[in-house]
Amino acid sequence: MAADPSPHRAARSPRFGQASAAADQSGSQRSLLGVFAYGSRALALVWTTNKALSIMLALLTLVAGVLPAGIAYIGAQIVDAVIHAADLHRTGHSIDTGLY
């Protein structure tokens, strides 16, 4: 009984997968560059429409980029304070809160 070559067999070969991955990567790079091309046109349109809106958009984008880092920093400070308080409690030292 002879094996009938299946079209699905070609999809499993390494050569086919490599060519497909290279084509996908090339296409995604082009689409990424296309986003930047249209992004500059959109920003130019917003700038000509309302300069204050453009500045506000830039400032809010900056805040949105910095906010997660600030949240992570404050969260790390809280965790460090809790660990420090637990260590002081474990060793029997008092915690000076500054409140009398």
Foldseek 3Di string as FASTA:
>chain_A
DDDDDDPVVVVPDPVNVVVVVVVVVVVVVVVVVVVVVVVVVVLVVVCVVPVVVSVVVVVVVVCVVCVVVVVVVVVVVVVVVVVVVVVCVVVVHDDCPVDD
